[in-house]
N, C-alpha and C. Protein backbone atom coordinates (compact mmCIF):
# COMPACT_ATOMS: atom_id res chain seq x y z
N UNK A 1 9.06 55.62 29.58
CA UNK A 1 8.44 56.93 29.77
C UNK A 1 8.08 57.18 31.24
N UNK A 2 8.05 58.41 31.59
CA UNK A 2 7.72 58.81 32.96
C UNK A 2 6.29 58.43 33.30
N UNK A 3 5.39 58.51 32.33
CA UNK A 3 3.97 58.25 32.57
C UNK A 3 3.73 56.85 33.13
N UNK A 4 4.45 55.86 32.62
CA UNK A 4 4.24 54.49 33.08
C UNK A 4 4.58 54.35 34.56
N UNK A 5 5.66 54.97 34.99
CA UNK A 5 6.02 54.94 36.41
C UNK A 5 5.01 55.68 37.26
N UNK A 6 4.48 56.79 36.72
CA UNK A 6 3.48 57.55 37.45
C UNK A 6 2.20 56.75 37.66
N UNK A 7 1.77 56.02 36.63
CA UNK A 7 0.56 55.20 36.77
C UNK A 7 0.75 54.12 37.84
N UNK A 8 1.92 53.51 37.87
CA UNK A 8 2.19 52.49 38.88
C UNK A 8 2.13 53.10 40.28
N UNK A 9 2.79 54.23 40.47
CA UNK A 9 2.82 54.87 41.79
C UNK A 9 1.45 55.41 42.19
N UNK A 10 0.70 55.95 41.23
CA UNK A 10 -0.65 56.44 41.54
C UNK A 10 -1.53 55.29 42.04
N UNK A 11 -1.43 54.14 41.38
CA UNK A 11 -2.19 52.98 41.83
C UNK A 11 -1.83 52.60 43.25
N UNK A 12 -0.53 52.59 43.54
CA UNK A 12 -0.08 52.26 44.90
C UNK A 12 -0.61 53.27 45.91
N UNK A 13 -0.60 54.55 45.54
CA UNK A 13 -1.10 55.60 46.45
C UNK A 13 -2.58 55.41 46.75
N UNK A 14 -3.37 55.09 45.72
CA UNK A 14 -4.80 54.86 45.96
C UNK A 14 -5.03 53.72 46.94
N UNK A 15 -4.24 52.68 46.84
CA UNK A 15 -4.37 51.58 47.79
C UNK A 15 -4.04 52.05 49.20
N UNK A 16 -3.00 52.84 49.34
CA UNK A 16 -2.63 53.36 50.66
C UNK A 16 -3.70 54.29 51.22
N UNK A 17 -4.44 54.96 50.35
CA UNK A 17 -5.52 55.84 50.79
C UNK A 17 -6.82 55.09 51.04
N UNK A 18 -6.81 53.78 50.85
CA UNK A 18 -8.01 52.97 51.08
C UNK A 18 -9.00 53.03 49.94
N UNK A 19 -8.53 53.31 48.73
CA UNK A 19 -9.39 53.38 47.55
C UNK A 19 -8.90 52.37 46.50
N UNK A 20 -9.05 51.08 46.80
CA UNK A 20 -8.49 50.07 45.90
C UNK A 20 -9.09 50.08 44.49
N UNK A 21 -10.36 50.47 44.35
CA UNK A 21 -10.97 50.49 43.01
C UNK A 21 -10.23 51.46 42.10
N UNK A 22 -9.85 52.62 42.64
CA UNK A 22 -9.09 53.60 41.85
C UNK A 22 -7.69 53.08 41.55
N UNK A 23 -7.09 52.39 42.51
CA UNK A 23 -5.77 51.81 42.29
C UNK A 23 -5.81 50.75 41.19
N UNK A 24 -6.83 49.90 41.24
CA UNK A 24 -7.00 48.87 40.21
C UNK A 24 -7.16 49.52 38.85
N UNK A 25 -7.94 50.58 38.79
CA UNK A 25 -8.16 51.30 37.53
C UNK A 25 -6.85 51.85 36.97
N UNK A 26 -6.01 52.41 37.82
CA UNK A 26 -4.72 52.95 37.38
C UNK A 26 -3.84 51.83 36.82
N UNK A 27 -3.78 50.72 37.54
CA UNK A 27 -2.94 49.61 37.07
C UNK A 27 -3.46 49.02 35.77
N UNK A 28 -4.77 48.94 35.62
CA UNK A 28 -5.33 48.41 34.37
C UNK A 28 -5.02 49.34 33.19
N UNK A 29 -5.08 50.65 33.43
CA UNK A 29 -4.69 51.60 32.38
C UNK A 29 -3.24 51.38 31.97
N UNK A 30 -2.39 51.20 32.96
CA UNK A 30 -0.97 50.97 32.71
C UNK A 30 -0.78 49.70 31.87
N UNK A 31 -1.46 48.63 32.25
CA UNK A 31 -1.35 47.35 31.54
C UNK A 31 -1.80 47.50 30.09
N UNK A 32 -2.88 48.25 29.87
CA UNK A 32 -3.39 48.46 28.51
C UNK A 32 -2.47 49.33 27.66
N UNK A 33 -1.94 50.40 28.25
CA UNK A 33 -1.12 51.36 27.50
C UNK A 33 0.31 50.91 27.28
N UNK A 34 0.86 50.18 28.22
CA UNK A 34 2.28 49.79 28.17
C UNK A 34 2.41 48.28 28.41
N UNK A 35 1.89 47.47 27.49
CA UNK A 35 1.76 46.03 27.74
C UNK A 35 3.06 45.27 27.96
N UNK A 36 4.18 45.77 27.47
CA UNK A 36 5.43 45.03 27.60
C UNK A 36 6.39 45.61 28.63
N UNK A 37 5.91 46.55 29.41
CA UNK A 37 6.80 47.25 30.35
C UNK A 37 7.00 46.46 31.65
N UNK A 38 8.10 46.77 32.30
CA UNK A 38 8.38 46.20 33.62
C UNK A 38 7.26 46.57 34.59
N UNK A 39 6.73 47.79 34.47
CA UNK A 39 5.66 48.24 35.35
C UNK A 39 4.37 47.46 35.12
N UNK A 40 4.14 47.00 33.90
CA UNK A 40 2.99 46.13 33.64
C UNK A 40 3.14 44.82 34.38
N UNK A 41 4.34 44.26 34.34
CA UNK A 41 4.60 43.03 35.09
C UNK A 41 4.32 43.25 36.57
N UNK A 42 4.80 44.35 37.12
CA UNK A 42 4.59 44.67 38.53
C UNK A 42 3.11 44.89 38.82
N UNK A 43 2.40 45.58 37.93
CA UNK A 43 0.97 45.83 38.13
C UNK A 43 0.17 44.53 38.12
N UNK A 44 0.49 43.63 37.20
CA UNK A 44 -0.19 42.33 37.18
C UNK A 44 0.06 41.57 38.47
N UNK A 45 1.29 41.61 38.97
CA UNK A 45 1.61 40.95 40.23
C UNK A 45 0.82 41.59 41.37
N UNK A 46 0.79 42.92 41.42
CA UNK A 46 0.05 43.61 42.48
C UNK A 46 -1.44 43.25 42.45
N UNK A 47 -2.01 43.23 41.25
CA UNK A 47 -3.43 42.86 41.11
C UNK A 47 -3.67 41.43 41.59
N UNK A 48 -2.82 40.52 41.15
CA UNK A 48 -2.98 39.11 41.52
C UNK A 48 -2.92 38.94 43.04
N UNK A 49 -1.96 39.59 43.68
CA UNK A 49 -1.82 39.47 45.13
C UNK A 49 -3.01 40.12 45.85
N UNK A 50 -3.47 41.26 45.35
CA UNK A 50 -4.64 41.91 45.95
C UNK A 50 -5.85 40.98 45.87
N UNK A 51 -6.11 40.43 44.68
CA UNK A 51 -7.26 39.54 44.53
C UNK A 51 -7.11 38.28 45.38
N UNK A 52 -5.91 37.75 45.49
CA UNK A 52 -5.68 36.57 46.33
C UNK A 52 -6.01 36.88 47.78
N UNK A 53 -5.50 38.00 48.28
CA UNK A 53 -5.73 38.37 49.68
C UNK A 53 -7.20 38.65 49.97
N UNK A 54 -7.95 39.04 48.94
CA UNK A 54 -9.36 39.36 49.12
C UNK A 54 -10.28 38.25 48.63
N UNK A 55 -9.72 37.04 48.47
CA UNK A 55 -10.49 35.84 48.11
C UNK A 55 -11.29 35.98 46.81
N UNK A 56 -10.76 36.73 45.87
CA UNK A 56 -11.37 36.83 44.55
C UNK A 56 -10.54 35.94 43.62
N UNK A 57 -10.77 34.63 43.76
CA UNK A 57 -9.91 33.66 43.09
C UNK A 57 -9.96 33.74 41.57
N UNK A 58 -11.12 34.01 40.99
CA UNK A 58 -11.19 34.04 39.53
C UNK A 58 -10.35 35.18 38.97
N UNK A 59 -10.42 36.36 39.59
CA UNK A 59 -9.60 37.49 39.14
C UNK A 59 -8.12 37.23 39.41
N UNK A 60 -7.83 36.63 40.56
CA UNK A 60 -6.43 36.32 40.89
C UNK A 60 -5.85 35.34 39.87
N UNK A 61 -6.59 34.28 39.57
CA UNK A 61 -6.10 33.30 38.60
C UNK A 61 -5.87 33.93 37.24
N UNK A 62 -6.75 34.82 36.83
CA UNK A 62 -6.59 35.49 35.54
C UNK A 62 -5.33 36.35 35.53
N UNK A 63 -5.10 37.10 36.60
CA UNK A 63 -3.90 37.94 36.68
C UNK A 63 -2.64 37.07 36.71
N UNK A 64 -2.66 35.98 37.49
CA UNK A 64 -1.51 35.07 37.52
C UNK A 64 -1.27 34.44 36.15
N UNK A 65 -2.36 34.05 35.47
CA UNK A 65 -2.23 33.44 34.14
C UNK A 65 -1.57 34.43 33.18
N UNK A 66 -2.11 35.65 33.15
CA UNK A 66 -1.58 36.65 32.23
C UNK A 66 -0.11 36.94 32.53
N UNK A 67 0.21 37.08 33.79
CA UNK A 67 1.59 37.37 34.20
C UNK A 67 2.52 36.22 33.82
N UNK A 68 2.11 34.99 34.11
CA UNK A 68 2.98 33.84 33.83
C UNK A 68 3.17 33.61 32.34
N UNK A 69 2.18 33.96 31.53
CA UNK A 69 2.31 33.77 30.08
C UNK A 69 3.07 34.92 29.42
N UNK A 70 2.78 36.15 29.81
CA UNK A 70 3.41 37.30 29.17
C UNK A 70 4.83 37.55 29.64
N UNK A 71 5.14 37.16 30.87
CA UNK A 71 6.47 37.41 31.43
C UNK A 71 7.07 36.10 31.95
N UNK A 72 7.00 35.06 31.12
CA UNK A 72 7.38 33.71 31.55
C UNK A 72 8.86 33.57 31.91
N UNK A 73 9.69 34.42 31.40
CA UNK A 73 11.13 34.30 31.68
C UNK A 73 11.57 35.13 32.88
N UNK A 74 10.62 35.74 33.55
CA UNK A 74 10.95 36.60 34.70
C UNK A 74 10.72 35.86 36.02
N UNK A 75 11.29 36.38 37.06
CA UNK A 75 11.09 35.83 38.41
C UNK A 75 9.61 35.90 38.80
N UNK A 76 8.96 37.04 38.52
CA UNK A 76 7.54 37.16 38.86
C UNK A 76 6.69 36.21 38.02
N UNK A 77 7.11 35.94 36.78
CA UNK A 77 6.41 34.96 35.96
C UNK A 77 6.46 33.58 36.59
N UNK A 78 7.63 33.20 37.11
CA UNK A 78 7.77 31.92 37.83
C UNK A 78 6.90 31.92 39.08
N UNK A 79 6.94 33.00 39.84
CA UNK A 79 6.14 33.09 41.06
C UNK A 79 4.65 33.02 40.74
N UNK A 80 4.24 33.64 39.63
CA UNK A 80 2.84 33.60 39.23
C UNK A 80 2.40 32.18 38.93
N UNK A 81 3.26 31.39 38.29
CA UNK A 81 2.92 29.98 38.04
C UNK A 81 2.71 29.23 39.34
N UNK A 82 3.58 29.49 40.30
CA UNK A 82 3.44 28.84 41.61
C UNK A 82 2.10 29.21 42.24
N UNK A 83 1.81 30.50 42.32
CA UNK A 83 0.57 30.94 42.97
C UNK A 83 -0.65 30.51 42.18
N UNK A 84 -0.53 30.49 40.87
CA UNK A 84 -1.63 30.02 40.03
C UNK A 84 -1.96 28.57 40.37
N UNK A 85 -0.94 27.78 40.59
CA UNK A 85 -1.13 26.38 40.96
C UNK A 85 -1.63 26.18 42.36
N UNK A 86 -1.42 27.14 43.23
CA UNK A 86 -1.81 27.01 44.63
C UNK A 86 -3.05 27.79 45.01
N UNK A 87 -3.73 28.36 44.04
CA UNK A 87 -4.95 29.09 44.33
C UNK A 87 -6.00 28.14 44.88
N UNK A 88 -6.78 28.60 45.84
CA UNK A 88 -7.78 27.71 46.47
C UNK A 88 -8.83 27.24 45.48
N UNK A 89 -9.12 28.02 44.44
CA UNK A 89 -10.12 27.57 43.47
C UNK A 89 -9.50 26.61 42.45
N UNK A 90 -8.22 26.48 42.47
CA UNK A 90 -7.52 25.56 41.59
C UNK A 90 -7.00 24.40 42.44
N UNK A 91 -7.92 23.77 43.19
CA UNK A 91 -7.54 22.87 44.28
C UNK A 91 -6.76 21.64 43.85
N UNK A 92 -6.83 21.25 42.60
CA UNK A 92 -6.07 20.07 42.22
C UNK A 92 -4.58 20.28 42.36
N UNK A 93 -4.14 21.54 42.43
CA UNK A 93 -2.74 21.83 42.66
C UNK A 93 -2.48 22.37 44.06
N UNK A 94 -3.49 22.34 44.91
CA UNK A 94 -3.36 23.02 46.20
C UNK A 94 -2.28 22.40 47.08
N UNK A 95 -1.89 21.19 46.80
CA UNK A 95 -0.86 20.56 47.62
C UNK A 95 0.51 20.60 46.96
N UNK A 96 0.61 21.29 45.84
CA UNK A 96 1.91 21.41 45.18
C UNK A 96 2.83 22.25 46.06
N UNK A 97 4.02 21.74 46.27
CA UNK A 97 4.94 22.46 47.14
C UNK A 97 5.78 23.45 46.35
N UNK A 98 6.42 24.33 47.05
CA UNK A 98 7.24 25.35 46.44
C UNK A 98 8.37 24.72 45.63
N UNK A 99 8.66 25.33 44.49
CA UNK A 99 9.80 24.87 43.69
C UNK A 99 11.07 24.95 44.52
N UNK A 100 11.82 23.90 44.50
CA UNK A 100 13.09 23.87 45.22
C UNK A 100 14.22 24.07 44.21
N UNK A 101 14.86 25.19 44.27
CA UNK A 101 15.95 25.47 43.35
C UNK A 101 17.21 24.75 43.80
N UNK A 102 17.72 23.87 42.96
CA UNK A 102 18.91 23.10 43.30
C UNK A 102 20.16 23.65 42.61
N UNK A 103 19.99 24.59 41.75
CA UNK A 103 21.14 25.15 41.03
C UNK A 103 20.86 25.19 39.54
N UNK A 104 21.24 26.24 38.93
CA UNK A 104 20.98 26.41 37.51
C UNK A 104 22.05 25.69 36.70
N UNK A 105 21.60 24.98 35.66
CA UNK A 105 22.55 24.25 34.84
C UNK A 105 22.66 24.80 33.43
N UNK A 106 21.93 25.84 33.13
CA UNK A 106 22.07 26.47 31.83
C UNK A 106 21.04 26.05 30.80
N UNK A 107 20.10 25.19 31.14
CA UNK A 107 19.05 24.85 30.19
C UNK A 107 17.92 25.86 30.32
N UNK A 108 16.78 25.58 29.72
CA UNK A 108 15.67 26.52 29.73
C UNK A 108 15.14 26.81 31.12
N UNK A 109 15.26 25.87 32.01
CA UNK A 109 14.65 26.01 33.33
C UNK A 109 15.56 26.75 34.29
N UNK A 110 14.93 27.49 35.22
CA UNK A 110 15.72 28.19 36.23
C UNK A 110 15.93 27.33 37.47
N UNK A 111 15.35 26.14 37.48
CA UNK A 111 15.56 25.24 38.61
C UNK A 111 15.97 23.87 38.08
N UNK A 112 16.56 23.09 38.94
CA UNK A 112 17.01 21.77 38.52
C UNK A 112 16.01 20.68 38.85
N UNK A 113 15.05 20.97 39.67
CA UNK A 113 14.09 19.94 40.01
C UNK A 113 12.86 20.49 40.69
N UNK A 114 11.82 19.70 40.65
CA UNK A 114 10.56 20.04 41.28
C UNK A 114 10.06 18.77 41.94
N UNK A 115 9.74 18.84 43.21
CA UNK A 115 9.25 17.66 43.92
C UNK A 115 8.02 18.03 44.71
N UNK A 116 7.15 17.08 44.93
CA UNK A 116 5.96 17.39 45.69
C UNK A 116 5.14 16.17 46.04
N UNK A 117 4.08 16.42 46.76
CA UNK A 117 3.11 15.42 47.17
C UNK A 117 1.77 15.91 46.66
N UNK A 118 1.08 15.08 45.89
CA UNK A 118 -0.15 15.50 45.23
C UNK A 118 -1.23 14.46 45.46
N UNK A 119 -2.42 14.91 45.85
CA UNK A 119 -3.56 14.01 45.93
C UNK A 119 -4.27 14.06 44.59
N UNK A 120 -4.40 12.91 43.93
CA UNK A 120 -5.02 12.86 42.61
C UNK A 120 -6.54 12.93 42.74
N UNK A 121 -7.22 13.09 41.60
CA UNK A 121 -8.68 13.14 41.64
C UNK A 121 -9.27 11.81 42.10
N UNK A 122 -8.49 10.72 42.01
CA UNK A 122 -8.92 9.40 42.49
C UNK A 122 -8.58 9.18 43.96
N UNK A 123 -8.20 10.26 44.65
CA UNK A 123 -7.90 10.25 46.09
C UNK A 123 -6.67 9.42 46.42
N UNK A 124 -5.76 9.29 45.47
CA UNK A 124 -4.48 8.63 45.72
C UNK A 124 -3.43 9.71 45.98
N UNK A 125 -2.50 9.39 46.86
CA UNK A 125 -1.40 10.31 47.13
C UNK A 125 -0.21 9.88 46.29
N UNK A 126 0.38 10.82 45.57
CA UNK A 126 1.51 10.55 44.70
C UNK A 126 2.66 11.47 45.07
N UNK A 127 3.82 10.87 45.28
CA UNK A 127 5.04 11.64 45.45
C UNK A 127 5.67 11.73 44.06
N UNK A 128 6.01 12.93 43.64
CA UNK A 128 6.62 13.08 42.32
C UNK A 128 7.90 13.89 42.42
N UNK A 129 8.77 13.64 41.48
CA UNK A 129 10.01 14.39 41.38
C UNK A 129 10.31 14.56 39.89
N UNK A 130 10.34 15.79 39.45
CA UNK A 130 10.69 16.09 38.06
C UNK A 130 12.09 16.68 38.06
N UNK A 131 12.97 16.03 37.38
CA UNK A 131 14.35 16.52 37.31
C UNK A 131 14.54 17.25 36.00
N UNK A 132 15.36 18.27 36.04
CA UNK A 132 15.62 19.05 34.85
C UNK A 132 16.14 18.15 33.75
N UNK A 133 15.68 18.43 32.54
CA UNK A 133 16.15 17.68 31.38
C UNK A 133 16.17 18.62 30.19
N UNK A 134 16.50 18.10 29.08
CA UNK A 134 16.40 18.88 27.85
C UNK A 134 14.99 18.66 27.32
N UNK A 135 14.16 19.68 27.47
CA UNK A 135 12.76 19.56 27.11
C UNK A 135 12.62 19.30 25.61
N UNK A 136 11.54 18.60 25.26
CA UNK A 136 11.32 18.29 23.86
C UNK A 136 11.21 19.59 23.06
N UNK A 137 11.52 19.51 21.80
CA UNK A 137 11.65 20.70 20.96
C UNK A 137 10.40 21.57 20.92
N UNK A 138 9.23 20.97 21.04
CA UNK A 138 7.99 21.75 20.96
C UNK A 138 7.75 22.58 22.21
N UNK A 139 8.45 22.30 23.27
CA UNK A 139 8.24 22.99 24.54
C UNK A 139 9.17 24.19 24.64
N UNK A 140 8.59 25.39 24.81
CA UNK A 140 9.44 26.56 24.95
C UNK A 140 9.31 27.20 26.33
N UNK A 141 8.46 26.67 27.18
CA UNK A 141 8.34 27.18 28.54
C UNK A 141 8.32 26.01 29.51
N UNK A 142 9.43 25.75 30.18
CA UNK A 142 9.50 24.57 31.04
C UNK A 142 8.52 24.59 32.19
N UNK A 143 8.16 25.76 32.71
CA UNK A 143 7.23 25.80 33.84
C UNK A 143 5.84 25.32 33.41
N UNK A 144 5.39 25.74 32.24
CA UNK A 144 4.09 25.28 31.73
C UNK A 144 4.17 23.78 31.45
N UNK A 145 5.28 23.33 30.90
CA UNK A 145 5.49 21.91 30.65
C UNK A 145 5.41 21.12 31.95
N UNK A 146 6.07 21.60 33.01
CA UNK A 146 6.01 20.94 34.31
C UNK A 146 4.58 20.88 34.83
N UNK A 147 3.83 21.97 34.70
CA UNK A 147 2.45 21.97 35.17
C UNK A 147 1.59 20.98 34.39
N UNK A 148 1.86 20.81 33.09
CA UNK A 148 1.11 19.83 32.31
C UNK A 148 1.41 18.41 32.79
N UNK A 149 2.64 18.14 33.17
CA UNK A 149 2.99 16.82 33.71
C UNK A 149 2.25 16.59 35.02
N UNK A 150 2.24 17.59 35.89
CA UNK A 150 1.54 17.46 37.17
C UNK A 150 0.04 17.28 36.94
N UNK A 151 -0.52 18.01 35.98
CA UNK A 151 -1.94 17.84 35.68
C UNK A 151 -2.22 16.42 35.17
N UNK A 152 -1.33 15.87 34.36
CA UNK A 152 -1.48 14.50 33.88
C UNK A 152 -1.49 13.53 35.06
N UNK A 153 -0.55 13.71 35.98
CA UNK A 153 -0.50 12.86 37.18
C UNK A 153 -1.82 12.96 37.94
N UNK A 154 -2.31 14.18 38.14
CA UNK A 154 -3.56 14.40 38.86
C UNK A 154 -4.72 13.68 38.19
N UNK A 155 -4.82 13.79 36.89
CA UNK A 155 -5.96 13.24 36.14
C UNK A 155 -5.90 11.72 35.99
N UNK A 156 -4.71 11.14 35.90
CA UNK A 156 -4.59 9.75 35.46
C UNK A 156 -4.11 8.74 36.50
N UNK A 157 -3.66 9.17 37.65
CA UNK A 157 -3.18 8.20 38.64
C UNK A 157 -4.16 8.06 39.79
């Protein structure tokens, strides 16, 4: 519908006019009225980035969480997982490096591997490398699965 595009653009206009509260309100209306639309995905991304830039980590994390869960198969969903892990208030992942795409092999994941350097809660430095595999049957989102592995490393090593 035309209305969904108008709400997205109105929100953007309010930001350009220096009225972010009105822009946020427009995007939230869009998210509520059209929960599965492409514009909702874009609005969640815009909100998350705005909150990140303005050091409102709790709101940013919530927007990244919602985006990564609701639009997990999208590029912005992947990006939201990355930013969610690198938020300053989520410091246990603050040293997680950017996903390195090595080439798609046709499984659930859009990348072939993830590597990084992580300081655990016990102040140990761990180099990790997760290579693409056939995820266990209960796992339907490889990015969330990868984050759970990294969280396990953080908590237990």
